[in-house]
Amino acid sequence: MGAIILNDAVIGKDCLIGAGALVTGGTVIPDGMLVLGSPAKAIRPVTEAEKADIRESAEGYAAEARQMKAEQKN
């Protein structure tokens, strides 16, 4: 939602980048962090509940894409 990640920034696995965050070039974000602000900073670890919500959301978008693709074939 409007986050900006500049060249040479490295975002770790399972991070959550907040809306409007500006991750500047050369920034390295460790795995599993919530990142907020401008310039963006790692605020705290992402909770297991947040990780589950992210996965569920991604699965929902993927299912919706499959459904739309199937409908276009008809």
PDB file of N, CA and C in Angstrom:
ATOM      1  N   MET A   1       0.830  -1.181   0.000  1.00  0.00           N
ATOM      2  CA  MET A   1       0.000   0.000   0.000  1.00  0.00           C
ATOM      3  C   MET A   1       0.881   1.252   0.000  1.00  0.00           C
ATOM      4  N   GLY A   2       1.548   1.489  -1.069  1.00  0.00           N
ATOM      5  CA  GLY A   2       2.311   2.708  -1.210  1.00  0.00           C
ATOM      6  C   GLY A   2       3.685   2.696  -0.573  1.00  0.00           C
ATOM      7  N   ALA A   3       4.171   1.527  -0.169  1.00  0.00           N
ATOM      8  CA  ALA A   3       5.538   1.460   0.352  1.00  0.00           C
ATOM      9  C   ALA A   3       6.510   1.618  -0.816  1.00  0.00           C
ATOM     10  N   ILE A   4       7.651   2.222  -0.539  1.00  0.00           N
ATOM     11  CA  ILE A   4       8.683   2.410  -1.560  1.00  0.00           C
ATOM     12  C   ILE A   4       9.945   1.720  -1.072  1.00  0.00           C
ATOM     13  N   ILE A   5      10.485   0.822  -1.906  1.00  0.00           N
ATOM     14  CA  ILE A   5      11.721   0.112  -1.586  1.00  0.00           C
ATOM     15  C   ILE A   5      12.725   0.456  -2.670  1.00  0.00           C
ATOM     16  N   LEU A   6      13.774   1.164  -2.297  1.00  0.00           N
ATOM     17  CA  LEU A   6      14.758   1.642  -3.262  1.00  0.00           C
ATOM     18  C   LEU A   6      15.805   0.578  -3.581  1.00  0.00           C
ATOM     19  N   ASN A   7      16.539   0.822  -4.676  1.00  0.00           N
ATOM     20  CA  ASN A   7      17.585  -0.102  -5.115  1.00  0.00           C
ATOM     21  C   ASN A   7      18.558  -0.400  -3.985  1.00  0.00           C
ATOM     22  N   ASP A   8      19.069  -1.616  -4.011  1.00  0.00           N
ATOM     23  CA  ASP A   8      20.082  -2.100  -3.071  1.00  0.00           C
ATOM     24  C   ASP A   8      19.575  -2.271  -1.647  1.00  0.00           C
ATOM     25  N   ALA A   9      18.276  -2.160  -1.423  1.00  0.00           N
ATOM     26  CA  ALA A   9      17.716  -2.513  -0.118  1.00  0.00           C
ATOM     27  C   ALA A   9      17.546  -4.030  -0.093  1.00  0.00           C
ATOM     28  N   VAL A  10      17.760  -4.624   1.062  1.00  0.00           N
ATOM     29  CA  VAL A  10      17.620  -6.073   1.223  1.00  0.00           C
ATOM     30  C   VAL A  10      16.567  -6.311   2.298  1.00  0.00           C
ATOM     31  N   ILE A  11      15.491  -6.995   1.907  1.00  0.00           N
ATOM     32  CA  ILE A  11      14.385  -7.280   2.815  1.00  0.00           C
ATOM     33  C   ILE A  11      14.425  -8.767   3.144  1.00  0.00           C
ATOM     34  N   GLY A  12      14.497  -9.093   4.421  1.00  0.00           N
ATOM     35  CA  GLY A  12      14.550 -10.484   4.853  1.00  0.00           C
ATOM     36  C   GLY A  12      13.234 -11.216   4.641  1.00  0.00           C
ATOM     37  N   LYS A  13      13.290 -12.506   4.872  1.00  0.00           N
ATOM     38  CA  LYS A  13      12.126 -13.387   4.739  1.00  0.00           C
ATOM     39  C   LYS A  13      11.086 -13.045   5.817  1.00  0.00           C
ATOM     40  N   ASP A  14       9.820 -13.162   5.450  1.00  0.00           N
ATOM     41  CA  ASP A  14       8.691 -12.986   6.374  1.00  0.00           C
ATOM     42  C   ASP A  14       8.628 -11.606   7.027  1.00  0.00           C
ATOM     43  N   CYS A  15       9.066 -10.571   6.317  1.00  0.00           N
ATOM     44  CA  CYS A  15       8.944  -9.205   6.828  1.00  0.00           C
ATOM     45  C   CYS A  15       7.596  -8.626   6.428  1.00  0.00           C
ATOM     46  N   LEU A  16       7.150  -7.665   7.178  1.00  0.00           N
ATOM     47  CA  LEU A  16       5.927  -6.933   6.875  1.00  0.00           C
ATOM     48  C   LEU A  16       6.310  -5.466   6.760  1.00  0.00           C
ATOM     49  N   ILE A  17       6.172  -4.914   5.549  1.00  0.00           N
ATOM     50  CA  ILE A  17       6.525  -3.525   5.282  1.00  0.00           C
ATOM     51  C   ILE A  17       5.246  -2.695   5.357  1.00  0.00           C
ATOM     52  N   GLY A  18       5.217  -1.720   6.242  1.00  0.00           N
ATOM     53  CA  GLY A  18       4.024  -0.916   6.470  1.00  0.00           C
ATOM     54  C   GLY A  18       3.702   0.008   5.308  1.00  0.00           C
ATOM     55  N   ALA A  19       2.428   0.371   5.207  1.00  0.00           N
ATOM     56  CA  ALA A  19       1.967   1.295   4.175  1.00  0.00           C
ATOM     57  C   ALA A  19       2.724   2.610   4.280  1.00  0.00           C
ATOM     58  N   GLY A  20       3.194   3.100   3.143  1.00  0.00           N
ATOM     59  CA  GLY A  20       3.879   4.379   3.095  1.00  0.00           C
ATOM     60  C   GLY A  20       5.324   4.353   3.555  1.00  0.00           C
ATOM     61  N   ALA A  21       5.838   3.185   3.906  1.00  0.00           N
ATOM     62  CA  ALA A  21       7.232   3.098   4.361  1.00  0.00           C
ATOM     63  C   ALA A  21       8.177   3.420   3.205  1.00  0.00           C
ATOM     64  N   LEU A  22       9.301   4.032   3.524  1.00  0.00           N
ATOM     65  CA  LEU A  22      10.350   4.312   2.543  1.00  0.00           C
ATOM     66  C   LEU A  22      11.610   3.586   2.989  1.00  0.00           C
ATOM     67  N   VAL A  23      11.907   2.477   2.309  1.00  0.00           N
ATOM     68  CA  VAL A  23      13.107   1.694   2.609  1.00  0.00           C
ATOM     69  C   VAL A  23      14.200   2.205   1.685  1.00  0.00           C
ATOM     70  N   THR A  24      15.168   2.901   2.252  1.00  0.00           N
ATOM     71  CA  THR A  24      16.207   3.547   1.451  1.00  0.00           C
ATOM     72  C   THR A  24      17.240   2.542   0.957  1.00  0.00           C
ATOM     73  N   GLY A  25      17.944   2.930  -0.106  1.00  0.00           N
ATOM     74  CA  GLY A  25      18.969   2.079  -0.691  1.00  0.00           C
ATOM     75  C   GLY A  25      20.026   1.699   0.329  1.00  0.00           C
ATOM     76  N   GLY A  26      20.439   0.440   0.289  1.00  0.00           N
ATOM     77  CA  GLY A  26      21.463  -0.043   1.199  1.00  0.00           C
ATOM     78  C   GLY A  26      20.941  -0.521   2.542  1.00  0.00           C
ATOM     79  N   THR A  27      19.664  -0.288   2.812  1.00  0.00           N
ATOM     80  CA  THR A  27      19.080  -0.755   4.070  1.00  0.00           C
ATOM     81  C   THR A  27      18.986  -2.273   4.046  1.00  0.00           C
ATOM     82  N   VAL A  28      19.325  -2.911   5.154  1.00  0.00           N
ATOM     83  CA  VAL A  28      19.205  -4.362   5.294  1.00  0.00           C
ATOM     84  C   VAL A  28      18.237  -4.627   6.438  1.00  0.00           C
ATOM     85  N   ILE A  29      17.134  -5.290   6.121  1.00  0.00           N
ATOM     86  CA  ILE A  29      16.116  -5.622   7.113  1.00  0.00           C
ATOM     87  C   ILE A  29      16.233  -7.112   7.423  1.00  0.00           C
ATOM     88  N   PRO A  30      16.461  -7.469   8.687  1.00  0.00           N
ATOM     89  CA  PRO A  30      16.563  -8.887   9.049  1.00  0.00           C
ATOM     90  C   PRO A  30      15.238  -9.623   8.839  1.00  0.00           C
ATOM     91  N   ASP A  31      15.309 -10.940   8.785  1.00  0.00           N
ATOM     92  CA  ASP A  31      14.121 -11.779   8.640  1.00  0.00           C
ATOM     93  C   ASP A  31      13.098 -11.470   9.735  1.00  0.00           C
ATOM     94  N   GLY A  32      11.823 -11.541   9.336  1.00  0.00           N
ATOM     95  CA  GLY A  32      10.729 -11.529  10.293  1.00  0.00           C
ATOM     96  C   GLY A  32      10.476 -10.239  11.042  1.00  0.00           C
ATOM     97  N   MET A  33      10.736  -9.099  10.418  1.00  0.00           N
ATOM     98  CA  MET A  33      10.568  -7.822  11.116  1.00  0.00           C
ATOM     99  C   MET A  33       9.408  -7.001  10.548  1.00  0.00           C
ATOM    100  N   LEU A  34       8.751  -6.245  11.421  1.00  0.00           N
ATOM    101  CA  LEU A  34       7.777  -5.237  11.024  1.00  0.00           C
ATOM    102  C   LEU A  34       8.567  -3.965  10.749  1.00  0.00           C
ATOM    103  N   VAL A  35       8.351  -3.377   9.575  1.00  0.00           N
ATOM    104  CA  VAL A  35       9.136  -2.226   9.128  1.00  0.00           C
ATOM    105  C   VAL A  35       8.179  -1.063   8.871  1.00  0.00           C
ATOM    106  N   LEU A  36       8.448   0.072   9.522  1.00  0.00           N
ATOM    107  CA  LEU A  36       7.573   1.236   9.407  1.00  0.00           C
ATOM    108  C   LEU A  36       8.391   2.509   9.272  1.00  0.00           C
ATOM    109  N   GLY A  37       7.778   3.531   8.682  1.00  0.00           N
ATOM    110  CA  GLY A  37       8.342   4.868   8.708  1.00  0.00           C
ATOM    111  C   GLY A  37       9.041   5.316   7.449  1.00  0.00           C
ATOM    112  N   SER A  38       9.499   6.566   7.512  1.00  0.00           N
ATOM    113  CA  SER A  38      10.204   7.188   6.403  1.00  0.00           C
ATOM    114  C   SER A  38      11.299   8.085   6.979  1.00  0.00           C
ATOM    115  N   PRO A  39      12.518   7.622   7.015  1.00  0.00           N
ATOM    116  CA  PRO A  39      12.988   6.356   6.460  1.00  0.00           C
ATOM    117  C   PRO A  39      12.520   5.169   7.307  1.00  0.00           C
ATOM    118  N   ALA A  40      12.361   4.043   6.654  1.00  0.00           N
ATOM    119  CA  ALA A  40      11.844   2.846   7.312  1.00  0.00           C
ATOM    120  C   ALA A  40      12.849   2.286   8.308  1.00  0.00           C
ATOM    121  N   LYS A  41      12.298   1.778   9.408  1.00  0.00           N
ATOM    122  CA  LYS A  41      13.110   1.123  10.435  1.00  0.00           C
ATOM    123  C   LYS A  41      12.403  -0.145  10.879  1.00  0.00           C
ATOM    124  N   ALA A  42      13.190  -1.166  11.221  1.00  0.00           N
ATOM    125  CA  ALA A  42      12.636  -2.388  11.795  1.00  0.00           C
ATOM    126  C   ALA A  42      12.174  -2.056  13.210  1.00  0.00           C
ATOM    127  N   ILE A  43      10.878  -2.223  13.464  1.00  0.00           N
ATOM    128  CA  ILE A  43      10.274  -1.822  14.731  1.00  0.00           C
ATOM    129  C   ILE A  43      10.254  -2.962  15.742  1.00  0.00           C
ATOM    130  N   ARG A  44       9.824  -4.131  15.276  1.00  0.00           N
ATOM    131  CA  ARG A  44       9.702  -5.292  16.164  1.00  0.00           C
ATOM    132  C   ARG A  44       9.536  -6.535  15.306  1.00  0.00           C
ATOM    133  N   PRO A  45       9.695  -7.706  15.914  1.00  0.00           N
ATOM    134  CA  PRO A  45       9.437  -8.932  15.151  1.00  0.00           C
ATOM    135  C   PRO A  45       7.953  -9.048  14.773  1.00  0.00           C
ATOM    136  N   VAL A  46       7.699  -9.632  13.615  1.00  0.00           N
ATOM    137  CA  VAL A  46       6.337  -9.944  13.182  1.00  0.00           C
ATOM    138  C   VAL A  46       5.853 -11.115  14.041  1.00  0.00           C
ATOM    139  N   THR A  47       4.633 -11.017  14.561  1.00  0.00           N
ATOM    140  CA  THR A  47       4.096 -12.093  15.398  1.00  0.00           C
ATOM    141  C   THR A  47       3.677 -13.282  14.536  1.00  0.00           C
ATOM    142  N   GLU A  48       3.538 -14.424  15.179  1.00  0.00           N
ATOM    143  CA  GLU A  48       3.074 -15.616  14.458  1.00  0.00           C
ATOM    144  C   GLU A  48       1.671 -15.389  13.900  1.00  0.00           C
ATOM    145  N   ALA A  49       0.829 -14.670  14.626  1.00  0.00           N
ATOM    146  CA  ALA A  49      -0.526 -14.370  14.140  1.00  0.00           C
ATOM    147  C   ALA A  49      -0.467 -13.508  12.885  1.00  0.00           C
ATOM    148  N   GLU A  50       0.438 -12.530  12.852  1.00  0.00           N
ATOM    149  CA  GLU A  50       0.584 -11.684  11.664  1.00  0.00           C
ATOM    150  C   GLU A  50       1.098 -12.494  10.481  1.00  0.00           C
ATOM    151  N   LYS A  51       2.050 -13.392  10.728  1.00  0.00           N
ATOM    152  CA  LYS A  51       2.556 -14.255   9.652  1.00  0.00           C
ATOM    153  C   LYS A  51       1.437 -15.116   9.088  1.00  0.00           C
ATOM    154  N   ALA A  52       0.590 -15.653   9.966  1.00  0.00           N
ATOM    155  CA  ALA A  52      -0.535 -16.473   9.511  1.00  0.00           C
ATOM    156  C   ALA A  52      -1.508 -15.642   8.682  1.00  0.00           C
ATOM    157  N   ASP A  53      -1.773 -14.407   9.100  1.00  0.00           N
ATOM    158  CA  ASP A  53      -2.668 -13.518   8.344  1.00  0.00           C
ATOM    159  C   ASP A  53      -2.109 -13.227   6.955  1.00  0.00           C
ATOM    160  N   ILE A  54      -0.797 -13.000   6.869  1.00  0.00           N
ATOM    161  CA  ILE A  54      -0.159 -12.726   5.576  1.00  0.00           C
ATOM    162  C   ILE A  54      -0.309 -13.928   4.655  1.00  0.00           C
ATOM    163  N   ARG A  55      -0.030 -15.119   5.177  1.00  0.00           N
ATOM    164  CA  ARG A  55      -0.148 -16.336   4.354  1.00  0.00           C
ATOM    165  C   ARG A  55      -1.584 -16.554   3.899  1.00  0.00           C
ATOM    166  N   GLU A  56      -2.533 -16.360   4.820  1.00  0.00           N
ATOM    167  CA  GLU A  56      -3.945 -16.538   4.480  1.00  0.00           C
ATOM    168  C   GLU A  56      -4.369 -15.551   3.402  1.00  0.00           C
ATOM    169  N   SER A  57      -3.931 -14.321   3.515  1.00  0.00           N
ATOM    170  CA  SER A  57      -4.259 -13.305   2.521  1.00  0.00           C
ATOM    171  C   SER A  57      -3.680 -13.677   1.161  1.00  0.00           C
ATOM    172  N   ALA A  58      -2.427 -14.108   1.139  1.00  0.00           N
ATOM    173  CA  ALA A  58      -1.787 -14.498  -0.121  1.00  0.00           C
ATOM    174  C   ALA A  58      -2.513 -15.676  -0.754  1.00  0.00           C
ATOM    175  N   GLU A  59      -2.894 -16.655   0.065  1.00  0.00           N
ATOM    176  CA  GLU A  59      -3.630 -17.809  -0.456  1.00  0.00           C
ATOM    177  C   GLU A  59      -4.977 -17.381  -1.031  1.00  0.00           C
ATOM    178  N   GLY A  60      -5.631 -16.424  -0.388  1.00  0.00           N
ATOM    179  CA  GLY A  60      -6.910 -15.915  -0.887  1.00  0.00           C
ATOM    180  C   GLY A  60      -6.768 -15.231  -2.234  1.00  0.00           C
ATOM    181  N   TYR A  61      -5.721 -14.402  -2.385  1.00  0.00           N
ATOM    182  CA  TYR A  61      -5.475 -13.736  -3.667  1.00  0.00           C
ATOM    183  C   TYR A  61      -5.164 -14.758  -4.761  1.00  0.00           C
ATOM    184  N   ALA A  62      -4.386 -15.778  -4.431  1.00  0.00           N
ATOM    185  CA  ALA A  62      -4.049 -16.808  -5.419  1.00  0.00           C
ATOM    186  C   ALA A  62      -5.297 -17.572  -5.847  1.00  0.00           C
ATOM    187  N   ALA A  63      -6.159 -17.900  -4.907  1.00  0.00           N
ATOM    188  CA  ALA A  63      -7.399 -18.602  -5.234  1.00  0.00           C
ATOM    189  C   ALA A  63      -8.295 -17.734  -6.114  1.00  0.00           C
ATOM    190  N   GLU A  64      -8.361 -16.453  -5.803  1.00  0.00           N
ATOM    191  CA  GLU A  64      -9.169 -15.535  -6.615  1.00  0.00           C
ATOM    192  C   GLU A  64      -8.622 -15.442  -8.038  1.00  0.00           C
ATOM    193  N   ALA A  65      -7.304 -15.400  -8.180  1.00  0.00           N
ATOM    194  CA  ALA A  65      -6.692 -15.349  -9.515  1.00  0.00           C
ATOM    195  C   ALA A  65      -7.004 -16.614 -10.308  1.00  0.00           C
ATOM    196  N   ARG A  66      -6.928 -17.771  -9.646  1.00  0.00           N
ATOM    197  CA  ARG A  66      -7.258 -19.032 -10.337  1.00  0.00           C
ATOM    198  C   ARG A  66      -8.711 -19.029 -10.796  1.00  0.00           C
ATOM    199  N   GLN A  67      -9.603 -18.532  -9.946  1.00  0.00           N
ATOM    200  CA  GLN A  67     -11.020 -18.484 -10.297  1.00  0.00           C
ATOM    201  C   GLN A  67     -11.249 -17.550 -11.479  1.00  0.00           C
ATOM    202  N   MET A  68     -10.633 -16.389 -11.466  1.00  0.00           N
ATOM    203  CA  MET A  68     -10.804 -15.438 -12.572  1.00  0.00           C
ATOM    204  C   MET A  68     -10.258 -16.018 -13.872  1.00  0.00           C
ATOM    205  N   LYS A  69      -9.127 -16.711 -13.801  1.00  0.00           N
ATOM    206  CA  LYS A  69      -8.545 -17.329 -14.989  1.00  0.00           C
ATOM    207  C   LYS A  69      -9.484 -18.389 -15.550  1.00  0.00           C
ATOM    208  N   ALA A  70     -10.070 -19.191 -14.673  1.00  0.00           N
ATOM    209  CA  ALA A  70     -11.004 -20.230 -15.112  1.00  0.00           C
ATOM    210  C   ALA A  70     -12.241 -19.613 -15.753  1.00  0.00           C
ATOM    211  N   GLU A  71     -12.726 -18.516 -15.209  1.00  0.00           N
ATOM    212  CA  GLU A  71     -13.907 -17.853 -15.760  1.00  0.00           C
ATOM    213  C   GLU A  71     -13.625 -17.245 -17.128  1.00  0.00           C
ATOM    214  N   GLN A  72     -12.404 -16.788 -17.365  1.00  0.00           N
ATOM    215  CA  GLN A  72     -12.043 -16.205 -18.655  1.00  0.00           C
ATOM    216  C   GLN A  72     -12.015 -17.256 -19.755  1.00  0.00           C
ATOM    217  N   LYS A  73     -11.746 -18.499 -19.395  1.00  0.00           N
ATOM    218  CA  LYS A  73     -11.713 -19.576 -20.388  1.00  0.00           C
ATOM    219  C   LYS A  73     -13.114 -19.910 -20.884  1.00  0.00           C
ATOM    220  N   ASN A  74     -14.121 -19.578 -20.084  1.00  0.00           N
ATOM    221  CA  ASN A  74     -15.507 -19.916 -20.456  1.00  0.00           C
ATOM    222  C   ASN A  74     -16.106 -18.898 -21.346  1.00  0.00           C
TER     223      ASN A  74
END
